[in-house]
Amino acid sequence: MKGLELCRRYFEEYGRPLIEKYGGYGISAGVAGYGSECFGYDDEYSKDHDFEPFFYIWLDDETDRETGFELNKAYRRLPTEYLGIKAAERSLYGARKGGVSTVKDFFRAFTGLDGLPRTGPEWIRIPEYALAAAVNGEIFANGCKEFSAARTELMKGYPEDVLKKKLSAALANMAQSGQYNYFRCLKRGERGAAELAAAEFVKSGLKALYLLNNAYAPFYKWIFKGAASLEKCGSLTAEFEKILTEKDLYEKGRLIEEVCAATVSELRRQGYTELGSDYLEPHAVYIAETVKDLDLKFMHLLEG
């Protein structure tokens, strides 16, 4: 059984009656966050840690003042074992995964802000994996309007200027690491440096892939798994993996150029660029110049 299914069944048996007891108004519940189960990526190997029944309860400030303390106590009294799977204790005080949180506290854990990001620099400073974790999972009950509004807003993806800035930075890094430095390192006989350049290319390329879908890239160990299912250019994920695993260094270089050509084609298809070259740096500059937000426009090309 996958973790989300376990949590859903646990919530329906114990959680829904709990929040209905407190009226349900101003209360949302579900699973979201950093765990592999929140992305649906958990497997048999994931069960060696953090595989347990749990859910979160999200409250607006008013509901928290009225019932938050009692709700949290009630959550802590729920069974710690379900379908033979026992919840782990994580502190001297026996704290469990899940529990009650205000909407502001929950999203602050991912954004570092008291509210949602509003300015370009605020968006840029938040790691993509944190935004991915803030909007993953599944909502089992959605009675808190504040939670629903915040999650819906974040799920829209990046504002246009932020997306362009991050995309231009990813493309510039792809050009520098893969199309320029990889081949220079090979010529110098610097095998380790060449492999590192290829890895940087893949890292930036996968980031670009998510941006071309206006999606947040998850933590690095799940980035391949998530990229393969992306609607636009998801098939390039296999090419990126070949670049990392290919032993023939010159075949690796050919694959880099193949990926760059496909990336440029998608950039043109989406209207990001009108340039003709398959070298990515001019496209990165072209896109960066269309950014209107001055705080973002004057950031370094590679920053984003």
C-alpha atoms as a PDB file:
ATOM      1  CA  MET A   1       0.000   0.000   0.000  1.00  0.00           C
ATOM      2  CA  LYS A   2       1.238   3.485  -0.877  1.00  0.00           C
ATOM      3  CA  GLY A   3       1.633   6.034   1.886  1.00  0.00           C
ATOM      4  CA  LEU A   4      -1.084   8.359   0.582  1.00  0.00           C
ATOM      5  CA  GLU A   5      -3.608   5.531   0.523  1.00  0.00           C
ATOM      6  CA  LEU A   6      -2.678   4.545   4.067  1.00  0.00           C
ATOM      7  CA  CYS A   7      -3.131   8.144   5.251  1.00  0.00           C
ATOM      8  CA  ARG A   8      -6.403   8.553   3.346  1.00  0.00           C
ATOM      9  CA  ARG A   9      -7.898   5.457   4.943  1.00  0.00           C
ATOM     10  CA  TYR A  10      -6.646   6.487   8.381  1.00  0.00           C
ATOM     11  CA  PHE A  11      -8.192   9.935   7.938  1.00  0.00           C
ATOM     12  CA  GLU A  12     -11.574   8.574   6.825  1.00  0.00           C
ATOM     13  CA  GLU A  13     -11.748   6.293   9.841  1.00  0.00           C
ATOM     14  CA  TYR A  14     -10.432   8.651  12.503  1.00  0.00           C
ATOM     15  CA  GLY A  15      -9.836  12.112  11.071  1.00  0.00           C
ATOM     16  CA  ARG A  16     -13.134  12.942   9.428  1.00  0.00           C
ATOM     17  CA  PRO A  17     -15.155  12.123  12.548  1.00  0.00           C
ATOM     18  CA  LEU A  18     -12.701  14.231  14.528  1.00  0.00           C
ATOM     19  CA  ILE A  19     -13.025  17.398  12.443  1.00  0.00           C
ATOM     20  CA  GLU A  20     -16.803  16.919  12.137  1.00  0.00           C
ATOM     21  CA  LYS A  21     -16.956  16.892  15.931  1.00  0.00           C
ATOM     22  CA  TYR A  22     -15.463  20.380  15.823  1.00  0.00           C
ATOM     23  CA  GLY A  23     -17.852  21.568  13.131  1.00  0.00           C
ATOM     24  CA  GLY A  24     -15.554  21.324  10.103  1.00  0.00           C
ATOM     25  CA  TYR A  25     -15.849  25.050   9.392  1.00  0.00           C
ATOM     26  CA  GLY A  26     -12.460  26.722   8.982  1.00  0.00           C
ATOM     27  CA  ILE A  27     -10.754  23.319   8.960  1.00  0.00           C
ATOM     28  CA  SER A  28      -8.884  21.589   6.148  1.00  0.00           C
ATOM     29  CA  ALA A  29      -7.034  18.292   6.397  1.00  0.00           C
ATOM     30  CA  GLY A  30      -4.748  16.187   4.270  1.00  0.00           C
ATOM     31  CA  VAL A  31      -1.164  15.226   3.559  1.00  0.00           C
ATOM     32  CA  ALA A  32       1.520  17.475   2.065  1.00  0.00           C
ATOM     33  CA  GLY A  33       5.200  18.139   2.643  1.00  0.00           C
ATOM     34  CA  TYR A  34       8.693  16.750   2.148  1.00  0.00           C
ATOM     35  CA  GLY A  35       8.103  13.002   2.400  1.00  0.00           C
ATOM     36  CA  SER A  36       8.196  10.748  -0.644  1.00  0.00           C
ATOM     37  CA  GLU A  37       4.662   9.606   0.171  1.00  0.00           C
ATOM     38  CA  CYS A  38       3.457  13.182  -0.288  1.00  0.00           C
ATOM     39  CA  PHE A  39       4.602  13.052  -3.929  1.00  0.00           C
ATOM     40  CA  GLY A  40       3.382   9.504  -4.429  1.00  0.00           C
ATOM     41  CA  TYR A  41       6.988   8.431  -4.974  1.00  0.00           C
ATOM     42  CA  ASP A  42       7.267   6.011  -2.034  1.00  0.00           C
ATOM     43  CA  ASP A  43       7.999   2.335  -2.636  1.00  0.00           C
ATOM     44  CA  GLU A  44       9.077  -0.744  -0.701  1.00  0.00           C
ATOM     45  CA  TYR A  45      12.396   0.873   0.170  1.00  0.00           C
ATOM     46  CA  SER A  46      10.611   3.898   1.619  1.00  0.00           C
ATOM     47  CA  LYS A  47       9.014   1.808   4.348  1.00  0.00           C
ATOM     48  CA  ASP A  48      12.199   1.678   6.417  1.00  0.00           C
ATOM     49  CA  HIS A  49      11.422   5.167   7.774  1.00  0.00           C
ATOM     50  CA  ASP A  50       8.510   7.619   8.060  1.00  0.00           C
ATOM     51  CA  PHE A  51       5.990   5.138   6.659  1.00  0.00           C
ATOM     52  CA  GLU A  52       3.044   5.593   8.978  1.00  0.00           C
ATOM     53  CA  PRO A  53      -0.578   6.738   9.225  1.00  0.00           C
ATOM     54  CA  PHE A  54      -0.915  10.493   9.702  1.00  0.00           C
ATOM     55  CA  PHE A  55      -2.574  13.634   8.379  1.00  0.00           C
ATOM     56  CA  TYR A  56      -2.374  17.357   8.937  1.00  0.00           C
ATOM     57  CA  ILE A  57      -5.166  19.637  10.101  1.00  0.00           C
ATOM     58  CA  TRP A  58      -4.933  23.226   8.843  1.00  0.00           C
ATOM     59  CA  LEU A  59      -6.762  26.080  10.550  1.00  0.00           C
ATOM     60  CA  ASP A  60      -7.204  29.781   9.977  1.00  0.00           C
ATOM     61  CA  ASP A  61      -6.182  32.003  12.891  1.00  0.00           C
ATOM     62  CA  GLU A  62      -9.688  32.437  14.274  1.00  0.00           C
ATOM     63  CA  THR A  63     -10.423  28.708  14.273  1.00  0.00           C
ATOM     64  CA  ASP A  64      -7.028  28.047  15.815  1.00  0.00           C
ATOM     65  CA  ARG A  65      -7.792  30.407  18.699  1.00  0.00           C
ATOM     66  CA  GLU A  66     -11.141  28.750  19.247  1.00  0.00           C
ATOM     67  CA  THR A  67     -10.340  25.056  18.856  1.00  0.00           C
ATOM     68  CA  GLY A  68      -6.680  24.591  17.866  1.00  0.00           C
ATOM     69  CA  PHE A  69      -5.418  23.487  21.273  1.00  0.00           C
ATOM     70  CA  GLU A  70      -8.228  20.995  21.820  1.00  0.00           C
ATOM     71  CA  LEU A  71      -7.970  19.697  18.245  1.00  0.00           C
ATOM     72  CA  ASN A  72      -4.268  19.061  18.636  1.00  0.00           C
ATOM     73  CA  LYS A  73      -4.813  17.207  21.899  1.00  0.00           C
ATOM     74  CA  ALA A  74      -7.510  15.129  20.221  1.00  0.00           C
ATOM     75  CA  TYR A  75      -5.188  14.338  17.282  1.00  0.00           C
ATOM     76  CA  ARG A  76      -2.474  13.161  19.673  1.00  0.00           C
ATOM     77  CA  ARG A  77      -4.978  10.773  21.249  1.00  0.00           C
ATOM     78  CA  LEU A  78      -5.734   9.039  17.932  1.00  0.00           C
ATOM     79  CA  PRO A  79      -4.446   5.461  17.532  1.00  0.00           C
ATOM     80  CA  THR A  80      -0.732   5.341  16.793  1.00  0.00           C
ATOM     81  CA  GLU A  81      -1.087   2.018  14.965  1.00  0.00           C
ATOM     82  CA  TYR A  82      -3.285   1.383  11.941  1.00  0.00           C
ATOM     83  CA  LEU A  83      -3.511  -1.701   9.718  1.00  0.00           C
ATOM     84  CA  GLY A  84      -0.521  -3.081  11.585  1.00  0.00           C
ATOM     85  CA  ILE A  85       1.632  -0.029  10.843  1.00  0.00           C
ATOM     86  CA  LYS A  86       2.844   1.919  13.859  1.00  0.00           C
ATOM     87  CA  ALA A  87       3.640   5.623  13.952  1.00  0.00           C
ATOM     88  CA  ALA A  88       7.164   6.494  15.050  1.00  0.00           C
ATOM     89  CA  GLU A  89       7.916   8.690  18.025  1.00  0.00           C
ATOM     90  CA  ARG A  90      10.251  11.546  17.170  1.00  0.00           C
ATOM     91  CA  SER A  91      11.104  13.217  20.440  1.00  0.00           C
ATOM     92  CA  LEU A  92      11.373  12.699  24.184  1.00  0.00           C
ATOM     93  CA  TYR A  93       7.797  13.956  24.371  1.00  0.00           C
ATOM     94  CA  GLY A  94       6.459  11.390  21.928  1.00  0.00           C
ATOM     95  CA  ALA A  95       5.575  13.807  19.119  1.00  0.00           C
ATOM     96  CA  ARG A  96       4.039  12.204  16.042  1.00  0.00           C
ATOM     97  CA  LYS A  97       4.092  13.131  12.397  1.00  0.00           C
ATOM     98  CA  GLY A  98       1.156  15.270  11.339  1.00  0.00           C
ATOM     99  CA  GLY A  99      -1.067  17.282  13.639  1.00  0.00           C
ATOM    100  CA  VAL A 100      -2.588  20.754  13.763  1.00  0.00           C
ATOM    101  CA  SER A 101      -1.082  23.824  12.116  1.00  0.00           C
ATOM    102  CA  THR A 102      -2.266  27.286  11.212  1.00  0.00           C
ATOM    103  CA  VAL A 103      -2.223  28.101   7.526  1.00  0.00           C
ATOM    104  CA  LYS A 104       0.443  30.775   8.079  1.00  0.00           C
ATOM    105  CA  ASP A 105       2.712  28.440  10.048  1.00  0.00           C
ATOM    106  CA  PHE A 106       2.399  25.654   7.487  1.00  0.00           C
ATOM    107  CA  PHE A 107       3.325  27.742   4.468  1.00  0.00           C
ATOM    108  CA  ARG A 108       5.980  29.698   6.404  1.00  0.00           C
ATOM    109  CA  ALA A 109       7.839  26.408   6.851  1.00  0.00           C
ATOM    110  CA  PHE A 110       8.288  26.270   3.063  1.00  0.00           C
ATOM    111  CA  THR A 111       8.497  29.924   2.030  1.00  0.00           C
ATOM    112  CA  GLY A 112      10.078  31.560   5.087  1.00  0.00           C
ATOM    113  CA  LEU A 113       7.427  34.272   4.756  1.00  0.00           C
ATOM    114  CA  ASP A 114       4.378  35.271   6.787  1.00  0.00           C
ATOM    115  CA  GLY A 115       2.301  35.075   3.620  1.00  0.00           C
ATOM    116  CA  LEU A 116       2.748  34.006   0.024  1.00  0.00           C
ATOM    117  CA  PRO A 117       5.657  35.449  -1.976  1.00  0.00           C
ATOM    118  CA  ARG A 118       4.670  38.729  -3.601  1.00  0.00           C
ATOM    119  CA  THR A 119       7.831  40.238  -5.081  1.00  0.00           C
ATOM    120  CA  GLY A 120      10.215  38.809  -7.643  1.00  0.00           C
ATOM    121  CA  PRO A 121      13.133  38.511  -5.191  1.00  0.00           C
ATOM    122  CA  GLU A 122      10.888  36.741  -2.657  1.00  0.00           C
ATOM    123  CA  TRP A 123       9.956  34.130  -5.263  1.00  0.00           C
ATOM    124  CA  ILE A 124      13.573  33.687  -6.361  1.00  0.00           C
ATOM    125  CA  ARG A 125      14.829  33.095  -2.816  1.00  0.00           C
ATOM    126  CA  ILE A 126      12.494  30.162  -2.149  1.00  0.00           C
ATOM    127  CA  PRO A 127      14.015  26.803  -3.167  1.00  0.00           C
ATOM    128  CA  GLU A 128      11.988  25.079  -5.860  1.00  0.00           C
ATOM    129  CA  TYR A 129      11.859  21.854  -3.856  1.00  0.00           C
ATOM    130  CA  ALA A 130      10.196  23.749  -0.989  1.00  0.00           C
ATOM    131  CA  LEU A 131       7.448  25.073  -3.263  1.00  0.00           C
ATOM    132  CA  ALA A 132       6.986  21.581  -4.704  1.00  0.00           C
ATOM    133  CA  ALA A 133       6.524  20.217  -1.186  1.00  0.00           C
ATOM    134  CA  ALA A 134       4.046  22.955  -0.262  1.00  0.00           C
ATOM    135  CA  VAL A 135       1.581  21.949  -2.992  1.00  0.00           C
ATOM    136  CA  ASN A 136       1.970  18.171  -3.278  1.00  0.00           C
ATOM    137  CA  GLY A 137      -0.012  15.451  -1.557  1.00  0.00           C
ATOM    138  CA  GLU A 138      -3.773  15.243  -1.273  1.00  0.00           C
ATOM    139  CA  ILE A 139      -6.445  17.256   0.497  1.00  0.00           C
ATOM    140  CA  PHE A 140      -9.022  15.106   2.287  1.00  0.00           C
ATOM    141  CA  ALA A 141     -11.233  17.902   3.658  1.00  0.00           C
ATOM    142  CA  ASN A 142     -11.202  21.511   2.504  1.00  0.00           C
ATOM    143  CA  GLY A 143     -13.212  23.664   4.882  1.00  0.00           C
ATOM    144  CA  CYS A 144     -10.539  26.304   5.469  1.00  0.00           C
ATOM    145  CA  LYS A 145     -10.887  29.016   2.841  1.00  0.00           C
ATOM    146  CA  GLU A 146      -7.529  30.581   3.724  1.00  0.00           C
ATOM    147  CA  PHE A 147      -5.708  27.280   3.187  1.00  0.00           C
ATOM    148  CA  SER A 148      -7.529  26.561  -0.066  1.00  0.00           C
ATOM    149  CA  ALA A 149      -6.800  30.046  -1.428  1.00  0.00           C
ATOM    150  CA  ALA A 150      -3.096  29.896  -0.553  1.00  0.00           C
ATOM    151  CA  ARG A 151      -2.591  26.420  -1.988  1.00  0.00           C
ATOM    152  CA  THR A 152      -4.517  27.280  -5.161  1.00  0.00           C
ATOM    153  CA  GLU A 153      -2.413  30.409  -5.667  1.00  0.00           C
ATOM    154  CA  LEU A 154       0.875  28.536  -5.270  1.00  0.00           C
ATOM    155  CA  MET A 155      -0.295  25.772  -7.587  1.00  0.00           C
ATOM    156  CA  LYS A 156      -0.582  28.305 -10.412  1.00  0.00           C
ATOM    157  CA  GLY A 157       3.223  28.270 -10.603  1.00  0.00           C
ATOM    158  CA  TYR A 158       5.603  31.167 -11.002  1.00  0.00           C
ATOM    159  CA  PRO A 159       4.556  34.678 -12.061  1.00  0.00           C
ATOM    160  CA  GLU A 160       5.610  35.385 -15.642  1.00  0.00           C
ATOM    161  CA  ASP A 161       8.684  37.512 -14.900  1.00  0.00           C
ATOM    162  CA  VAL A 162       9.938  35.095 -12.239  1.00  0.00           C
ATOM    163  CA  LEU A 163       9.502  32.179 -14.625  1.00  0.00           C
ATOM    164  CA  LYS A 164      11.415  33.983 -17.364  1.00  0.00           C
ATOM    165  CA  LYS A 165      14.257  34.921 -15.007  1.00  0.00           C
ATOM    166  CA  LYS A 166      14.621  31.405 -13.663  1.00  0.00           C
ATOM    167  CA  LEU A 167      14.380  29.903 -17.145  1.00  0.00           C
ATOM    168  CA  SER A 168      17.005  32.253 -18.560  1.00  0.00           C
ATOM    169  CA  ALA A 169      19.357  31.353 -15.696  1.00  0.00           C
ATOM    170  CA  ALA A 170      18.835  27.623 -16.246  1.00  0.00           C
ATOM    171  CA  LEU A 171      19.499  27.966 -19.977  1.00  0.00           C
ATOM    172  CA  ALA A 172      22.618  30.070 -19.413  1.00  0.00           C
ATOM    173  CA  ASN A 173      23.960  27.452 -16.998  1.00  0.00           C
ATOM    174  CA  MET A 174      23.211  24.690 -19.510  1.00  0.00           C
ATOM    175  CA  ALA A 175      25.159  26.584 -22.175  1.00  0.00           C
ATOM    176  CA  GLN A 176      28.111  27.304 -19.917  1.00  0.00           C
ATOM    177  CA  SER A 177      28.445  23.841 -18.397  1.00  0.00           C
ATOM    178  CA  GLY A 178      27.383  21.561 -21.256  1.00  0.00           C
ATOM    179  CA  GLN A 179      27.935  23.330 -24.552  1.00  0.00           C
ATOM    180  CA  TYR A 180      31.065  25.230 -23.563  1.00  0.00           C
ATOM    181  CA  ASN A 181      32.986  23.856 -20.587  1.00  0.00           C
ATOM    182  CA  TYR A 182      32.285  20.159 -21.145  1.00  0.00           C
ATOM    183  CA  PHE A 183      34.051  20.144 -24.499  1.00  0.00           C
ATOM    184  CA  ARG A 184      36.884  22.385 -23.284  1.00  0.00           C
ATOM    185  CA  CYS A 185      37.532  20.028 -20.386  1.00  0.00           C
ATOM    186  CA  LEU A 186      37.632  17.071 -22.785  1.00  0.00           C
ATOM    187  CA  LYS A 187      40.201  18.827 -24.951  1.00  0.00           C
ATOM    188  CA  ARG A 188      42.365  19.390 -21.909  1.00  0.00           C
ATOM    189  CA  GLY A 189      42.071  15.754 -20.867  1.00  0.00           C
ATOM    190  CA  GLU A 190      40.358  16.731 -17.613  1.00  0.00           C
ATOM    191  CA  ARG A 191      37.985  13.775 -17.248  1.00  0.00           C
ATOM    192  CA  GLY A 192      36.735  14.638 -13.759  1.00  0.00           C
ATOM    193  CA  ALA A 193      36.031  18.259 -14.673  1.00  0.00           C
ATOM    194  CA  ALA A 194      34.231  17.157 -17.846  1.00  0.00           C
ATOM    195  CA  GLU A 195      32.009  14.756 -15.897  1.00  0.00           C
ATOM    196  CA  LEU A 196      31.241  17.485 -13.381  1.00  0.00           C
ATOM    197  CA  ALA A 197      30.324  19.876 -16.200  1.00  0.00           C
ATOM    198  CA  ALA A 198      27.982  17.246 -17.646  1.00  0.00           C
ATOM    199  CA  ALA A 199      26.345  16.779 -14.239  1.00  0.00           C
ATOM    200  CA  GLU A 200      25.847  20.547 -13.930  1.00  0.00           C
ATOM    201  CA  PHE A 201      24.306  20.540 -17.391  1.00  0.00           C
ATOM    202  CA  VAL A 202      21.845  17.828 -16.390  1.00  0.00           C
ATOM    203  CA  LYS A 203      20.981  19.610 -13.152  1.00  0.00           C
ATOM    204  CA  SER A 204      20.214  22.862 -14.963  1.00  0.00           C
ATOM    205  CA  GLY A 205      18.521  21.058 -17.841  1.00  0.00           C
ATOM    206  CA  LEU A 206      16.085  19.245 -15.584  1.00  0.00           C
ATOM    207  CA  LYS A 207      15.356  22.526 -13.850  1.00  0.00           C
ATOM    208  CA  ALA A 208      14.600  24.074 -17.264  1.00  0.00           C
ATOM    209  CA  LEU A 209      12.331  21.148 -18.055  1.00  0.00           C
ATOM    210  CA  TYR A 210      10.177  21.855 -15.005  1.00  0.00           C
ATOM    211  CA  LEU A 211      10.143  25.572 -15.799  1.00  0.00           C
ATOM    212  CA  LEU A 212       8.970  24.884 -19.345  1.00  0.00           C
ATOM    213  CA  ASN A 213       5.985  23.205 -17.668  1.00  0.00           C
ATOM    214  CA  ASN A 214       5.685  25.980 -15.048  1.00  0.00           C
ATOM    215  CA  ALA A 215       6.112  23.324 -12.379  1.00  0.00           C
ATOM    216  CA  TYR A 216       8.266  23.294  -9.244  1.00  0.00           C
ATOM    217  CA  ALA A 217      11.156  20.842  -9.330  1.00  0.00           C
ATOM    218  CA  PRO A 218      11.223  18.509  -6.301  1.00  0.00           C
ATOM    219  CA  PHE A 219      14.229  17.512  -4.193  1.00  0.00           C
ATOM    220  CA  TYR A 220      17.083  16.185  -6.345  1.00  0.00           C
ATOM    221  CA  LYS A 221      16.558  12.495  -5.613  1.00  0.00           C
ATOM    222  CA  TRP A 222      13.017  12.695  -7.025  1.00  0.00           C
ATOM    223  CA  ILE A 223      13.680  15.096  -9.872  1.00  0.00           C
ATOM    224  CA  PHE A 224      14.054  12.387 -12.530  1.00  0.00           C
ATOM    225  CA  LYS A 225      10.959  10.535 -11.358  1.00  0.00           C
ATOM    226  CA  GLY A 226       8.850  13.684 -11.557  1.00  0.00           C
ATOM    227  CA  ALA A 227      10.318  14.954 -14.826  1.00  0.00           C
ATOM    228  CA  ALA A 228       9.423  11.816 -16.762  1.00  0.00           C
ATOM    229  CA  SER A 229       5.711  12.567 -16.349  1.00  0.00           C
ATOM    230  CA  LEU A 230       5.901  16.235 -17.400  1.00  0.00           C
ATOM    231  CA  GLU A 231       3.610  17.044 -20.312  1.00  0.00           C
ATOM    232  CA  LYS A 232       6.096  19.154 -22.261  1.00  0.00           C
ATOM    233  CA  CYS A 233       9.422  17.523 -23.150  1.00  0.00           C
ATOM    234  CA  GLY A 234       9.127  14.893 -20.446  1.00  0.00           C
ATOM    235  CA  SER A 235      10.727  12.447 -22.892  1.00  0.00           C
ATOM    236  CA  LEU A 236      14.004  14.377 -22.563  1.00  0.00           C
ATOM    237  CA  THR A 237      14.343  12.917 -19.066  1.00  0.00           C
ATOM    238  CA  ALA A 238      15.718   9.698 -20.573  1.00  0.00           C
ATOM    239  CA  GLU A 239      18.296  11.700 -22.536  1.00  0.00           C
ATOM    240  CA  PHE A 240      19.428  13.504 -19.396  1.00  0.00           C
ATOM    241  CA  GLU A 241      19.869  10.162 -17.662  1.00  0.00           C
ATOM    242  CA  LYS A 242      21.941   8.858 -20.585  1.00  0.00           C
ATOM    243  CA  ILE A 243      24.221  11.892 -20.309  1.00  0.00           C
ATOM    244  CA  LEU A 244      24.999  10.939 -16.710  1.00  0.00           C
ATOM    245  CA  THR A 245      25.466   7.238 -17.390  1.00  0.00           C
ATOM    246  CA  GLU A 246      27.063   7.198 -20.874  1.00  0.00           C
ATOM    247  CA  LYS A 247      30.707   6.018 -20.706  1.00  0.00           C
ATOM    248  CA  ASP A 248      31.714   7.276 -24.136  1.00  0.00           C
ATOM    249  CA  LEU A 249      32.642  10.913 -23.480  1.00  0.00           C
ATOM    250  CA  TYR A 250      32.076  12.035 -27.054  1.00  0.00           C
ATOM    251  CA  GLU A 251      28.703  10.294 -27.238  1.00  0.00           C
ATOM    252  CA  LYS A 252      27.878  12.164 -24.046  1.00  0.00           C
ATOM    253  CA  GLY A 253      28.739  15.394 -25.853  1.00  0.00           C
ATOM    254  CA  ARG A 254      26.503  14.458 -28.771  1.00  0.00           C
ATOM    255  CA  LEU A 255      23.629  13.844 -26.381  1.00  0.00           C
ATOM    256  CA  ILE A 256      24.183  17.254 -24.794  1.00  0.00           C
ATOM    257  CA  GLU A 257      23.829  18.949 -28.158  1.00  0.00           C
ATOM    258  CA  GLU A 258      20.779  16.844 -28.999  1.00  0.00           C
ATOM    259  CA  VAL A 259      19.062  17.922 -25.788  1.00  0.00           C
ATOM    260  CA  CYS A 260      19.940  21.567 -26.442  1.00  0.00           C
ATOM    261  CA  ALA A 261      18.406  21.431 -29.915  1.00  0.00           C
ATOM    262  CA  ALA A 262      15.206  19.915 -28.517  1.00  0.00           C
ATOM    263  CA  THR A 263      15.124  22.562 -25.776  1.00  0.00           C
ATOM    264  CA  VAL A 264      15.429  25.376 -28.312  1.00  0.00           C
ATOM    265  CA  SER A 265      12.590  23.857 -30.337  1.00  0.00           C
ATOM    266  CA  GLU A 266      10.358  23.899 -27.274  1.00  0.00           C
ATOM    267  CA  LEU A 267      11.397  27.469 -26.413  1.00  0.00           C
ATOM    268  CA  ARG A 268      10.347  28.555 -29.899  1.00  0.00           C
ATOM    269  CA  ARG A 269       7.115  26.594 -29.713  1.00  0.00           C
ATOM    270  CA  GLN A 270       6.176  28.351 -26.473  1.00  0.00           C
ATOM    271  CA  GLY A 271       7.122  31.754 -27.867  1.00  0.00           C
ATOM    272  CA  TYR A 272      10.065  32.405 -25.559  1.00  0.00           C
ATOM    273  CA  THR A 273      12.528  33.023 -28.374  1.00  0.00           C
ATOM    274  CA  GLU A 274      12.731  33.795 -32.076  1.00  0.00           C
ATOM    275  CA  LEU A 275      16.460  33.122 -32.453  1.00  0.00           C
ATOM    276  CA  GLY A 276      17.755  30.402 -34.731  1.00  0.00           C
ATOM    277  CA  SER A 277      20.902  29.007 -33.091  1.00  0.00           C
ATOM    278  CA  ASP A 278      20.936  25.846 -30.973  1.00  0.00           C
ATOM    279  CA  TYR A 279      23.491  27.454 -28.667  1.00  0.00           C
ATOM    280  CA  LEU A 280      21.502  28.258 -25.537  1.00  0.00           C
ATOM    281  CA  GLU A 281      23.221  31.375 -24.205  1.00  0.00           C
ATOM    282  CA  PRO A 282      21.755  33.817 -26.784  1.00  0.00           C
ATOM    283  CA  HIS A 283      18.291  32.442 -25.999  1.00  0.00           C
ATOM    284  CA  ALA A 284      18.941  32.943 -22.280  1.00  0.00           C
ATOM    285  CA  VAL A 285      19.898  36.578 -22.894  1.00  0.00           C
ATOM    286  CA  TYR A 286      16.912  37.083 -25.209  1.00  0.00           C
ATOM    287  CA  ILE A 287      14.483  35.807 -22.557  1.00  0.00           C
ATOM    288  CA  ALA A 288      16.157  37.754 -19.743  1.00  0.00           C
ATOM    289  CA  GLU A 289      15.738  40.967 -21.719  1.00  0.00           C
ATOM    290  CA  THR A 290      11.961  40.472 -21.791  1.00  0.00           C
ATOM    291  CA  VAL A 291      11.746  40.533 -17.978  1.00  0.00           C
ATOM    292  CA  LYS A 292       9.990  43.720 -16.846  1.00  0.00           C
ATOM    293  CA  ASP A 293      10.537  43.484 -13.077  1.00  0.00           C
ATOM    294  CA  LEU A 294      13.618  45.654 -12.520  1.00  0.00           C
ATOM    295  CA  ASP A 295      14.667  43.769  -9.376  1.00  0.00           C
ATOM    296  CA  LEU A 296      14.916  40.624 -11.507  1.00  0.00           C
ATOM    297  CA  LYS A 297      16.092  42.244 -14.719  1.00  0.00           C
ATOM    298  CA  PHE A 298      19.332  43.480 -13.164  1.00  0.00           C
ATOM    299  CA  MET A 299      20.234  40.219 -11.469  1.00  0.00           C
ATOM    300  CA  HIS A 300      23.182  38.293 -12.921  1.00  0.00           C
ATOM    301  CA  LEU A 301      22.200  36.164 -15.896  1.00  0.00           C
ATOM    302  CA  LEU A 302      23.247  32.946 -14.131  1.00  0.00           C
ATOM    303  CA  GLU A 303      21.282  33.798 -10.980  1.00  0.00           C
ATOM    304  CA  GLY A 304      17.801  32.422 -10.604  1.00  0.00           C
END
